[in-house]
Protein backbone atom coordinates (compact mmCIF):
# COMPACT_ATOMS: atom_id res chain seq x y z
CA MET A 1 0.00 0.00 0.00
CA ASN A 2 1.03 3.58 -0.55
CA THR A 3 3.18 4.53 2.46
CA LEU A 4 1.23 7.73 3.08
CA LEU A 5 -2.07 5.86 3.13
CA THR A 6 -0.63 3.15 5.38
CA GLU A 7 0.64 5.67 7.91
CA SER A 8 -2.61 7.59 7.80
CA ILE A 9 -4.71 4.49 8.46
CA GLN A 10 -2.47 3.60 11.38
CA LYS A 11 -3.16 7.04 12.91
CA SER A 12 -6.88 6.98 12.13
CA ILE A 13 -9.80 6.56 14.52
CA SER A 14 -13.28 5.14 14.23
CA TYR A 15 -16.34 7.27 13.54
CA GLN A 16 -17.61 6.82 17.10
CA ASP A 17 -14.24 7.84 18.52
CA TYR A 18 -14.22 10.86 16.23
CA ARG A 19 -17.70 11.87 17.40
CA GLN A 20 -16.59 11.63 21.04
CA LEU A 21 -13.37 13.51 20.31
CA VAL A 22 -15.28 16.48 18.91
CA ILE A 23 -17.52 16.49 21.98
CA ASP A 24 -14.65 16.20 24.47
CA LEU A 25 -12.56 18.89 22.81
CA TYR A 26 -15.50 21.28 22.65
CA ALA A 27 -16.16 20.70 26.36
CA ALA A 28 -12.54 21.70 26.97
CA GLY A 29 -12.94 24.85 24.88
CA LYS A 30 -11.00 23.43 21.93
CA SER A 31 -11.65 22.41 18.34
CA THR A 32 -10.18 19.46 16.47
CA THR A 33 -7.62 21.86 14.95
CA GLU A 34 -4.82 22.03 17.52
CA ASN A 35 -4.41 25.62 18.74
CA GLY A 36 -7.23 26.63 16.42
CA PRO A 37 -8.98 29.99 16.88
CA ASP A 38 -11.94 30.33 19.23
CA THR A 39 -14.05 31.27 16.22
CA LEU A 40 -14.18 27.56 15.33
CA LEU A 41 -15.96 26.62 18.56
CA PRO A 42 -19.49 27.71 17.59
CA TYR A 43 -19.21 25.56 14.47
CA SER A 44 -18.05 22.59 16.53
CA LYS A 45 -21.05 23.01 18.82
CA LEU A 46 -23.45 23.22 15.89
CA ASN A 47 -21.91 20.17 14.24
CA ILE A 48 -22.17 18.10 17.40
CA SER A 49 -25.93 18.69 17.25
CA ARG A 50 -26.07 18.03 13.51
CA MET A 51 -24.23 14.72 13.74
CA LYS A 52 -26.28 13.59 16.73
CA ARG A 53 -29.49 14.33 14.83
CA LEU A 54 -28.34 12.66 11.63
CA ASP A 55 -27.07 9.60 13.50
CA LYS A 56 -30.62 9.15 14.79
CA THR A 57 -32.66 10.14 11.74
CA THR A 58 -30.74 8.88 8.69
CA LYS A 59 -32.80 6.29 6.86
CA ILE A 60 -31.36 3.79 4.39
CA SER A 61 -33.80 2.18 1.96
CA THR A 62 -34.10 -1.59 1.67
CA ALA A 63 -32.70 -1.47 -1.88
CA VAL A 64 -29.65 0.55 -0.83
CA GLU A 65 -29.05 -1.69 2.17
CA ALA A 66 -29.14 -4.78 -0.03
CA ALA A 67 -26.70 -3.19 -2.46
CA ILE A 68 -24.25 -2.24 0.27
CA LYS A 69 -24.47 -5.72 1.77
CA SER A 70 -23.56 -7.21 -1.61
CA ILE A 71 -19.99 -5.92 -1.28
CA ASN A 72 -17.96 -9.07 -0.64
CA LYS A 73 -14.40 -7.76 -0.44
CA PRO A 74 -12.65 -5.56 2.14
CA ILE A 75 -12.92 -1.81 1.51
CA THR A 76 -11.54 1.02 3.61
CA TRP A 77 -13.03 4.50 3.52
CA LEU A 78 -10.38 6.86 4.87
CA VAL A 79 -11.98 10.26 5.46
CA ILE A 80 -10.08 13.51 6.05
CA THR A 81 -12.16 15.91 8.12
CA GLU A 82 -12.43 18.37 11.01
CA GLY A 83 -15.08 18.74 13.68
CA TRP A 84 -15.86 22.35 12.77
CA CYS A 85 -16.59 21.62 9.08
CA GLY A 86 -20.27 22.00 8.19
CA ASP A 87 -20.07 19.82 5.07
CA ALA A 88 -18.39 17.06 7.08
CA ALA A 89 -21.09 17.13 9.74
CA GLN A 90 -23.78 16.73 7.09
CA ASN A 91 -22.07 13.88 5.25
CA LEU A 92 -20.11 11.77 7.75
CA PRO A 93 -23.20 10.38 9.52
CA ILE A 94 -24.58 9.28 6.14
CA ILE A 95 -21.30 7.63 5.17
CA ASN A 96 -21.15 5.89 8.55
CA ALA A 97 -24.75 4.68 8.23
CA LEU A 98 -23.74 2.94 5.01
CA ALA A 99 -20.46 1.55 6.35
CA VAL A 100 -22.06 -0.13 9.37
CA LEU A 101 -24.28 -2.19 7.08
CA ASN A 102 -21.38 -4.33 5.89
CA PRO A 103 -18.43 -5.60 7.97
CA ASN A 104 -16.34 -5.55 4.79
CA ILE A 105 -16.45 -1.74 4.82
CA GLU A 106 -14.24 -0.03 7.37
CA LEU A 107 -14.64 3.70 7.97
CA LYS A 108 -11.54 5.42 9.33
CA ILE A 109 -11.17 9.10 10.23
CA VAL A 110 -8.14 11.40 10.23
CA LEU A 111 -7.98 15.12 10.99
CA ARG A 112 -6.95 17.42 8.18
CA ASP A 113 -4.75 19.83 10.09
CA ALA A 114 -2.83 17.00 11.77
CA ASN A 115 -2.28 15.22 8.46
CA VAL A 116 -1.16 17.94 6.08
CA ASP A 117 0.82 15.63 3.78
CA LEU A 118 -2.21 13.41 3.23
CA MET A 119 -4.47 16.41 2.68
CA ASN A 120 -2.08 17.94 0.18
CA ALA A 121 -2.14 14.70 -1.78
CA TYR A 122 -5.92 14.98 -2.14
CA LEU A 123 -6.60 18.62 -2.89
CA THR A 124 -9.78 19.76 -4.61
CA ASN A 125 -9.12 22.45 -7.22
CA GLY A 126 -5.91 23.23 -5.36
CA GLY A 127 -7.63 23.68 -1.99
CA GLN A 128 -7.70 21.65 1.23
CA ALA A 129 -11.44 21.04 1.01
CA ILE A 130 -13.04 18.59 3.42
CA PRO A 131 -14.47 16.09 3.94
CA LYS A 132 -12.43 14.00 1.52
CA LEU A 133 -13.07 10.27 1.29
CA ILE A 134 -10.37 7.98 -0.11
CA GLN A 135 -11.57 4.50 -1.04
CA ILE A 136 -8.90 1.82 -0.62
CA GLU A 137 -9.14 -1.73 -1.98
CA ASP A 138 -6.39 -4.35 -1.96
CA GLY A 139 -4.01 -1.76 -0.58
CA GLU A 140 -4.58 0.77 -3.35
CA GLU A 141 -6.69 3.89 -3.76
CA THR A 142 -9.53 3.10 -6.16
CA ALA A 143 -11.67 6.25 -5.92
CA THR A 144 -12.19 9.49 -4.01
CA TRP A 145 -15.23 11.53 -3.03
CA GLY A 146 -15.79 14.96 -1.59
CA PRO A 147 -15.91 17.54 -0.29
CA ARG A 148 -19.61 17.68 -1.14
CA PRO A 149 -22.23 15.56 -2.90
CA THR A 150 -22.60 16.26 -6.60
CA MET A 151 -25.70 18.47 -6.37
CA ALA A 152 -24.17 20.62 -3.65
CA THR A 153 -20.94 20.85 -5.64
CA LYS A 154 -22.88 22.19 -8.63
CA MET A 155 -24.63 24.72 -6.40
CA VAL A 156 -21.28 25.93 -5.05
CA ASN A 157 -19.62 26.10 -8.46
CA ASP A 158 -22.55 27.94 -10.03
CA TYR A 159 -22.65 30.47 -7.19
CA LYS A 160 -18.90 31.08 -7.34
CA ALA A 161 -19.08 31.55 -11.10
CA GLU A 162 -21.73 34.24 -10.67
CA HIS A 163 -20.63 35.93 -7.45
CA GLY A 164 -16.93 35.14 -7.12
CA SER A 165 -17.07 33.75 -3.58
CA LEU A 166 -19.45 32.10 -1.14
CA THR A 167 -21.44 34.47 1.07
CA PRO A 168 -22.79 33.67 4.54
CA GLU A 169 -26.27 33.71 2.99
CA PHE A 170 -25.29 31.07 0.45
CA LYS A 171 -23.69 28.90 3.13
CA GLU A 172 -26.93 29.05 5.10
CA ALA A 173 -28.90 28.11 1.98
CA LEU A 174 -26.56 25.17 1.43
CA GLN A 175 -27.29 23.85 4.92
CA VAL A 176 -31.02 24.16 4.18
CA TRP A 177 -30.45 22.09 1.03
CA TYR A 178 -28.67 19.42 3.07
CA ASN A 179 -31.59 19.25 5.49
CA GLN A 180 -34.09 18.90 2.65
CA ASP A 181 -32.04 16.32 0.73
CA LYS A 182 -31.72 14.11 3.84
CA GLY A 183 -28.49 12.53 2.63
CA VAL A 184 -29.93 11.05 -0.54
CA ASN A 185 -27.45 12.69 -2.91
CA THR A 186 -24.56 11.51 -0.74
CA ILE A 187 -25.95 7.97 -0.86
CA GLU A 188 -26.24 8.20 -4.64
CA ASP A 189 -22.64 9.33 -4.89
CA ILE A 190 -21.36 6.55 -2.64
CA LEU A 191 -23.24 3.93 -4.66
CA THR A 192 -21.54 5.33 -7.76
CA LEU A 193 -18.18 5.19 -5.95
CA LEU A 194 -18.81 1.51 -5.25
CA LYS A 195 -19.98 0.95 -8.86
CA LEU A 196 -23.38 -0.13 -7.62
CA GLU A 197 -26.67 0.66 -9.31
CA VAL A 198 -29.81 0.97 -7.24
CA PRO A 199 -33.01 2.35 -8.78
CA ASN A 200 -35.34 4.73 -6.97
CA VAL A 201 -32.96 5.94 -4.28
CA ARG A 202 -35.15 9.04 -4.11
CA VAL A 203 -38.26 7.50 -2.60
């Protein structure tokens, strides 16, 4: 396996440990970014609530569950993230809900700002955008996903093309979209990543 991926997996933690880490650090007045500014703390607090809600409310259809369970070889999803990232909070619970359906899929988490070399190997348009999922099979990277589902990515790109940068109002609208989509677009993307076809995901 790629040395960088091997070392990153060795340093990674589980989704549940990541969730608890964000909570514990916030309780101590810290974010997942070591020595990060206090301005990150309100986002950490909000994301703790988001992830808790999505962990409870995410629903996976019978067809999607059957497709995920059909995976019969070991796959690792190595995700680069941070506890203050709004896109991560909206997507990680969905990714975890899929991973737990099949023991062949292992979800591992690493923090972006503590793993700069890994992050720099998986830039998006030259930027350190998160979350970033790296799919690993037989010791090799086979696909990547992130930092947003395809529909959200189009929204962001279209807005940037028209306005130049993302405004606070747009970012709020994006979170509304996430709430309305209920993780479906992320599920569609992950099925594509796995080369699975499931009809009627949007039911």
